[in-house]
Amino acid sequence: MKILVTGSAGFIGYHLCQSLLIDEFDVLGIDSLNDYYSPELKMSRLRNLKTKSNFSFEKCDLSDYGSLEKIFKKFKPEKVVNLAAQAGVRYSIENPFAYINSNITGFVNIVELCVKYKIEGLTYASSSSVYGGNSKIPFSTKNRVAKPLALYGVTKRTNELIAYSYNHLYGLNTTGLRFFTVYGPWGRPDMALYIFTKKILNNEPIPVFNNGKMKRDFTYIDDIISGTRNAIDKNYNYEIFNLGNHKSEELKDMIAIIERNLGKKAIIDFLPMQPGDVKESFADIDYSMKMLNFDPKTSIETGIPKFIKWYKEYHK
């Protein structure tokens, strides 16, 4: 099967491509290779993917409909996985237009081309950010998601609504995946685990918001890929799933695991809550377990050391 993966040089996209390539799918990766974070890390991921003969790559911005259509026309994918997006809650306050161009205009271009070229199914990345300040914990896909706290969450909820309308109008199979705080080897440098590891090693203070009173549902990358692969395979008519670890962890516990594995204590700079952020995320995954056979197995006690091992090897 031929699968087109957008955001293929990104964190989740890279790992998904690796998994698909091992199983001998024909994969075309698309990425804009923008400089939101180190393009060198993206190029390193890409170099690894290019060692596989069943992988090909096109540099393309999703907001460029003409270039994107040429790729669809030439490759003729049977399924599409859209992971490309402008990421980050806080950056959406600084640069809102990047989110509109990539996450909304880009997504409309993807669904339009999926319909035009009769794609069997679209699997796309949503986010736990759609839940915003939802007070009902854990977050369930049955919850109302009408009040995201930052533009990033708004764009992801918009993707879900666009996917629904294209399913209704054209019968396009769409599956949205609400990812919860994904971490692991080859992770993003703007995420807390990467930032904390780097700063502790460099004897720099780590920024801890809301005076440390934060909880997150940290989900290891291998579990995310397992759920994503099942979503691609099952190719439901229209669904949205939570992919999380179904466990809300204290930020201070995550920091303690990093400290143990580095053999160094963190210098902590306690800061107030940041605009657009939430105090807690926690995924209800009952529906994902039932429909996707989703079964996350990796605790932060197991996953964080794997990230730190990769970090030390990558940065020498």
Protein backbone atom coordinates (compact mmCIF):
# COMPACT_ATOMS: atom_id res chain seq x y z
CA MET A 1 0.00 0.00 0.00
CA LYS A 2 1.11 3.56 -0.78
CA ILE A 3 0.80 5.94 2.17
CA LEU A 4 1.49 9.66 2.16
CA VAL A 5 2.68 11.01 5.53
CA THR A 6 2.82 14.77 6.08
CA GLY A 7 5.17 16.07 8.76
CA SER A 8 7.46 13.13 8.08
CA ALA A 9 10.55 14.90 9.46
CA GLY A 10 8.70 15.75 12.65
CA PHE A 11 8.80 13.74 15.87
CA ILE A 12 5.68 11.59 15.48
CA GLY A 13 5.89 11.58 11.68
CA TYR A 14 9.44 10.23 11.76
CA HIS A 15 8.52 7.34 14.06
CA LEU A 16 5.38 6.52 12.07
CA CYS A 17 7.36 6.41 8.81
CA GLN A 18 9.93 4.10 10.43
CA SER A 19 7.15 1.74 11.52
CA LEU A 20 5.46 1.73 8.10
CA LEU A 21 8.75 1.23 6.26
CA ILE A 22 9.67 -1.78 8.41
CA ASP A 23 6.35 -3.34 7.36
CA GLU A 24 7.24 -2.63 3.71
CA PHE A 25 4.65 0.05 2.94
CA ASP A 26 5.57 2.44 0.15
CA VAL A 27 5.85 5.77 1.99
CA LEU A 28 6.10 9.30 0.62
CA GLY A 29 6.99 11.86 3.26
CA ILE A 30 6.17 15.56 3.04
CA ASP A 31 7.64 18.26 5.28
CA SER A 32 8.28 22.00 5.01
CA LEU A 33 11.40 21.67 7.22
CA ASN A 34 10.61 25.04 8.81
CA ASP A 35 12.76 26.57 11.55
CA TYR A 36 10.24 26.54 14.44
CA TYR A 37 12.86 24.30 16.04
CA SER A 38 16.25 23.02 14.87
CA PRO A 39 16.07 22.07 11.17
CA GLU A 40 19.20 19.99 11.82
CA LEU A 41 17.21 17.61 14.05
CA LYS A 42 14.61 17.29 11.28
CA MET A 43 17.35 16.62 8.73
CA SER A 44 18.86 13.94 10.98
CA ARG A 45 15.51 12.16 11.15
CA LEU A 46 15.14 12.52 7.40
CA ARG A 47 18.58 11.08 6.70
CA ASN A 48 17.60 7.96 8.66
CA LEU A 49 14.39 7.57 6.66
CA LYS A 50 16.16 8.03 3.34
CA THR A 51 18.26 4.90 3.98
CA LYS A 52 15.10 2.87 3.22
CA SER A 53 14.44 2.12 -0.45
CA ASN A 54 10.64 2.27 0.02
CA PHE A 55 10.79 5.88 1.30
CA SER A 56 10.68 9.00 -0.84
CA PHE A 57 10.49 12.64 0.21
CA GLU A 58 9.15 15.95 -1.08
CA LYS A 59 9.74 19.29 0.59
CA CYS A 60 6.38 21.07 0.55
CA ASP A 61 4.33 23.51 2.61
CA LEU A 62 0.75 22.28 3.03
CA SER A 63 -0.59 25.77 2.34
CA ASP A 64 0.81 25.50 -1.23
CA TYR A 65 -2.12 23.75 -2.96
CA GLY A 66 -0.47 23.58 -6.39
CA SER A 67 2.69 21.84 -5.17
CA LEU A 68 0.66 19.51 -2.96
CA GLU A 69 -1.58 18.48 -5.84
CA LYS A 70 1.43 17.62 -8.02
CA ILE A 71 2.60 15.26 -5.25
CA PHE A 72 -0.82 13.55 -4.98
CA LYS A 73 -1.04 13.22 -8.76
CA LYS A 74 2.43 11.70 -9.10
CA PHE A 75 2.49 9.40 -6.04
CA LYS A 76 -1.17 8.30 -6.12
CA PRO A 77 -1.46 7.47 -2.39
CA GLU A 78 -4.13 5.08 -1.19
CA LYS A 79 -4.17 6.50 2.35
CA VAL A 80 -3.00 9.77 3.86
CA VAL A 81 -1.75 10.52 7.38
CA ASN A 82 -1.67 14.24 8.17
CA LEU A 83 0.75 14.96 11.03
CA ALA A 84 2.15 18.23 9.66
CA ALA A 85 1.11 21.23 11.73
CA GLN A 86 2.47 24.29 13.42
CA ALA A 87 2.86 22.91 16.93
CA GLY A 88 3.08 24.54 20.35
CA VAL A 89 0.47 26.20 22.56
CA ARG A 90 2.59 29.17 23.65
CA TYR A 91 3.97 29.98 20.20
CA SER A 92 0.40 30.31 18.90
CA ILE A 93 0.10 33.48 20.99
CA GLU A 94 3.25 34.95 19.41
CA ASN A 95 2.67 33.93 15.79
CA PRO A 96 -1.02 33.17 15.13
CA PHE A 97 -0.76 33.40 11.33
CA ALA A 98 1.61 30.42 11.17
CA TYR A 99 -1.18 28.32 12.72
CA ILE A 100 -3.86 29.52 10.31
CA ASN A 101 -1.67 28.85 7.26
CA SER A 102 -0.45 25.40 8.28
CA ASN A 103 -3.19 23.98 10.48
CA ILE A 104 -6.29 25.31 8.74
CA THR A 105 -5.43 26.29 5.14
CA GLY A 106 -3.07 23.30 4.93
CA PHE A 107 -5.69 20.93 6.32
CA VAL A 108 -8.37 22.12 3.87
CA ASN A 109 -5.89 21.51 1.04
CA ILE A 110 -5.30 17.97 2.33
CA VAL A 111 -9.00 17.04 2.59
CA GLU A 112 -9.78 18.62 -0.80
CA LEU A 113 -7.07 16.52 -2.45
CA CYS A 114 -8.14 13.40 -0.56
CA VAL A 115 -11.60 13.78 -2.09
CA LYS A 116 -10.31 14.69 -5.56
CA TYR A 117 -7.93 11.72 -5.73
CA LYS A 118 -10.35 9.29 -4.05
CA ILE A 119 -8.18 8.48 -1.02
CA GLU A 120 -9.37 5.43 0.94
CA GLY A 121 -8.88 7.08 4.31
CA LEU A 122 -7.38 10.08 6.11
CA THR A 123 -5.88 9.76 9.59
CA TYR A 124 -4.92 13.09 11.12
CA ALA A 125 -3.36 14.53 14.27
CA SER A 126 -5.60 16.41 16.64
CA SER A 127 -4.55 17.30 20.19
CA SER A 128 -5.52 17.18 23.85
CA SER A 129 -5.46 21.00 23.59
CA VAL A 130 -9.01 20.90 22.19
CA TYR A 131 -10.23 20.18 25.74
CA GLY A 132 -9.00 23.58 26.95
CA GLY A 133 -10.02 24.29 30.52
CA ASN A 134 -12.46 21.37 30.65
CA SER A 135 -13.06 20.64 34.32
CA LYS A 136 -14.29 17.06 33.85
CA ILE A 137 -11.30 14.74 34.38
CA PRO A 138 -10.29 12.48 32.67
CA PHE A 139 -10.95 14.07 29.28
CA SER A 140 -13.38 12.00 27.23
CA THR A 141 -14.20 12.30 23.53
CA LYS A 142 -17.81 12.59 24.75
CA ASN A 143 -16.96 15.89 26.48
CA ARG A 144 -17.93 19.22 24.94
CA VAL A 145 -14.87 20.89 23.42
CA ALA A 146 -16.20 24.36 22.65
CA LYS A 147 -13.66 26.41 24.67
CA PRO A 148 -10.01 25.78 23.75
CA LEU A 149 -7.71 28.16 25.67
CA ALA A 150 -5.24 28.95 22.85
CA LEU A 151 -5.31 29.27 19.08
CA TYR A 152 -3.43 25.98 18.64
CA GLY A 153 -6.35 24.11 20.23
CA VAL A 154 -8.81 26.12 18.13
CA THR A 155 -7.06 25.03 14.91
CA LYS A 156 -7.11 21.38 15.97
CA ARG A 157 -10.81 21.50 16.83
CA THR A 158 -11.38 23.19 13.47
CA ASN A 159 -9.65 20.23 11.79
CA GLU A 160 -12.09 17.86 13.49
CA LEU A 161 -15.09 19.88 12.29
CA ILE A 162 -13.73 20.12 8.74
CA ALA A 163 -13.13 16.35 8.75
CA TYR A 164 -16.73 15.79 9.86
CA SER A 165 -18.12 17.97 7.07
CA TYR A 166 -15.99 16.27 4.38
CA ASN A 167 -17.07 12.88 5.66
CA HIS A 168 -20.71 13.99 5.54
CA LEU A 169 -20.50 15.65 2.11
CA TYR A 170 -18.15 13.34 0.24
CA GLY A 171 -17.92 10.12 2.25
CA LEU A 172 -14.23 10.67 3.04
CA ASN A 173 -13.16 8.31 5.81
CA THR A 174 -11.50 10.39 8.55
CA THR A 175 -9.99 9.45 11.91
CA GLY A 176 -8.77 12.16 14.28
CA LEU A 177 -6.25 11.34 17.00
CA ARG A 178 -6.06 13.57 20.07
CA PHE A 179 -2.45 13.11 21.19
CA PHE A 180 -1.55 13.67 24.86
CA THR A 181 1.98 15.03 25.67
CA VAL A 182 4.01 12.69 23.46
CA TYR A 183 7.65 12.09 24.42
CA GLY A 184 10.54 9.77 23.60
CA PRO A 185 13.72 9.51 21.50
CA TRP A 186 13.97 12.05 18.66
CA GLY A 187 11.49 14.25 20.57
CA ARG A 188 10.83 17.94 20.04
CA PRO A 189 13.23 20.49 21.60
CA ASP A 190 10.33 22.76 22.62
CA MET A 191 8.84 20.11 24.92
CA ALA A 192 9.45 20.10 28.67
CA LEU A 193 11.39 16.82 28.81
CA TYR A 194 13.91 18.01 26.21
CA ILE A 195 14.23 21.48 27.78
CA PHE A 196 14.66 20.13 31.31
CA THR A 197 17.26 17.53 30.28
CA LYS A 198 19.29 20.10 28.36
CA LYS A 199 19.21 22.74 31.09
CA ILE A 200 19.99 20.34 33.95
CA LEU A 201 23.02 19.03 32.05
CA ASN A 202 24.14 22.64 31.42
CA ASN A 203 23.61 23.66 35.07
CA GLU A 204 20.89 26.12 34.03
CA PRO A 205 17.61 26.76 35.89
CA ILE A 206 14.58 24.96 34.48
CA PRO A 207 11.34 26.97 34.08
CA VAL A 208 8.50 25.32 36.01
CA PHE A 209 5.14 27.03 35.53
CA ASN A 210 2.22 27.40 37.94
CA ASN A 211 4.80 26.94 40.71
CA GLY A 212 5.05 23.25 39.84
CA LYS A 213 1.35 22.50 40.30
CA MET A 214 1.00 20.89 36.88
CA LYS A 215 -0.03 17.41 35.80
CA ARG A 216 0.31 15.81 32.38
CA ASP A 217 -0.68 12.55 30.71
CA PHE A 218 2.78 11.71 29.32
CA THR A 219 2.49 9.22 26.45
CA TYR A 220 5.50 7.35 25.09
CA ILE A 221 6.07 7.51 21.34
CA ASP A 222 5.89 3.72 20.76
CA ASP A 223 2.39 3.63 22.28
CA ILE A 224 1.32 6.58 20.10
CA ILE A 225 2.60 4.82 16.97
CA SER A 226 0.79 1.60 17.89
CA GLY A 227 -2.51 3.47 18.23
CA THR A 228 -1.91 5.44 15.03
CA ARG A 229 -1.11 2.29 13.04
CA ASN A 230 -4.34 0.66 14.26
CA ALA A 231 -6.31 3.77 13.27
CA ILE A 232 -4.80 3.66 9.75
CA ASP A 233 -5.57 -0.04 9.41
CA LYS A 234 -9.16 0.13 10.69
CA ASN A 235 -9.95 3.20 8.57
CA TYR A 236 -13.27 4.03 10.23
CA ASN A 237 -15.91 6.15 8.52
CA TYR A 238 -15.64 9.06 11.00
CA GLU A 239 -14.07 8.80 14.44
CA ILE A 240 -12.09 10.77 17.01
CA PHE A 241 -9.91 9.00 19.59
CA ASN A 242 -7.81 9.96 22.59
CA LEU A 243 -4.28 8.55 22.50
CA GLY A 244 -2.86 9.01 25.99
CA ASN A 245 -1.34 6.93 28.76
CA HIS A 246 -4.51 7.18 30.90
CA LYS A 247 -2.43 8.44 33.80
CA SER A 248 -2.00 12.03 34.99
CA GLU A 249 1.53 12.53 36.35
CA GLU A 250 2.82 15.26 38.64
CA LEU A 251 5.42 17.44 36.92
CA LYS A 252 7.67 17.15 40.00
CA ASP A 253 7.69 13.35 39.61
CA MET A 254 8.82 13.70 36.00
CA ILE A 255 11.61 16.07 37.08
CA ALA A 256 12.71 13.62 39.81
CA ILE A 257 13.07 10.82 37.23
CA ILE A 258 15.20 13.08 35.01
CA GLU A 259 17.40 13.99 37.98
CA ARG A 260 17.92 10.33 38.92
CA ASN A 261 18.87 9.37 35.38
CA LEU A 262 21.24 12.31 34.92
CA GLY A 263 22.72 12.03 38.39
CA LYS A 264 22.19 15.78 38.82
CA LYS A 265 19.75 17.95 40.75
CA ALA A 266 17.69 20.52 38.89
CA ILE A 267 17.85 24.22 39.67
CA ILE A 268 14.16 25.12 39.58
CA ASP A 269 12.82 28.53 38.59
CA PHE A 270 9.19 28.55 39.73
CA LEU A 271 7.03 30.75 37.51
CA PRO A 272 3.32 31.68 37.33
CA MET A 273 0.87 30.00 34.98
CA GLN A 274 1.36 30.86 31.32
CA PRO A 275 -1.50 32.18 29.17
CA GLY A 276 -3.24 29.43 27.20
CA ASP A 277 -1.84 26.61 29.34
CA VAL A 278 -3.82 24.08 31.39
CA LYS A 279 -3.10 22.71 34.86
CA GLU A 280 -3.86 19.10 34.03
CA SER A 281 -4.32 16.74 31.09
CA PHE A 282 -5.63 13.20 31.51
CA ALA A 283 -6.96 10.96 28.73
CA ASP A 284 -9.97 8.71 29.03
CA ILE A 285 -8.98 5.94 26.60
CA ASP A 286 -11.86 3.47 27.09
CA TYR A 287 -13.22 4.13 23.59
CA SER A 288 -9.74 3.88 22.03
CA MET A 289 -9.16 0.56 23.80
CA LYS A 290 -12.46 -0.76 22.47
CA MET A 291 -12.22 0.49 18.88
CA LEU A 292 -8.44 0.56 18.26
CA ASN A 293 -7.26 -2.15 20.67
CA PHE A 294 -5.14 0.68 22.09
CA ASP A 295 -3.09 -0.52 25.04
CA PRO A 296 -0.34 1.89 26.19
CA LYS A 297 2.32 0.01 28.13
CA THR A 298 5.14 2.49 28.82
CA SER A 299 5.39 4.28 32.18
CA ILE A 300 7.45 7.45 32.59
CA GLU A 301 9.83 5.42 34.79
CA THR A 302 10.60 3.33 31.68
CA GLY A 303 10.18 5.93 28.93
CA ILE A 304 12.16 8.89 30.31
CA PRO A 305 15.44 6.92 30.63
CA LYS A 306 15.05 5.87 26.97
CA PHE A 307 14.76 9.52 25.97
CA ILE A 308 17.79 10.50 28.05
CA LYS A 309 19.87 7.69 26.54
CA TRP A 310 18.99 8.95 23.04
CA TYR A 311 19.62 12.58 24.04
CA LYS A 312 23.14 11.81 25.26
CA GLU A 313 23.98 9.78 22.17
CA TYR A 314 22.56 12.36 19.74
CA HIS A 315 24.25 15.34 21.40
CA LYS A 316 27.41 13.35 22.22
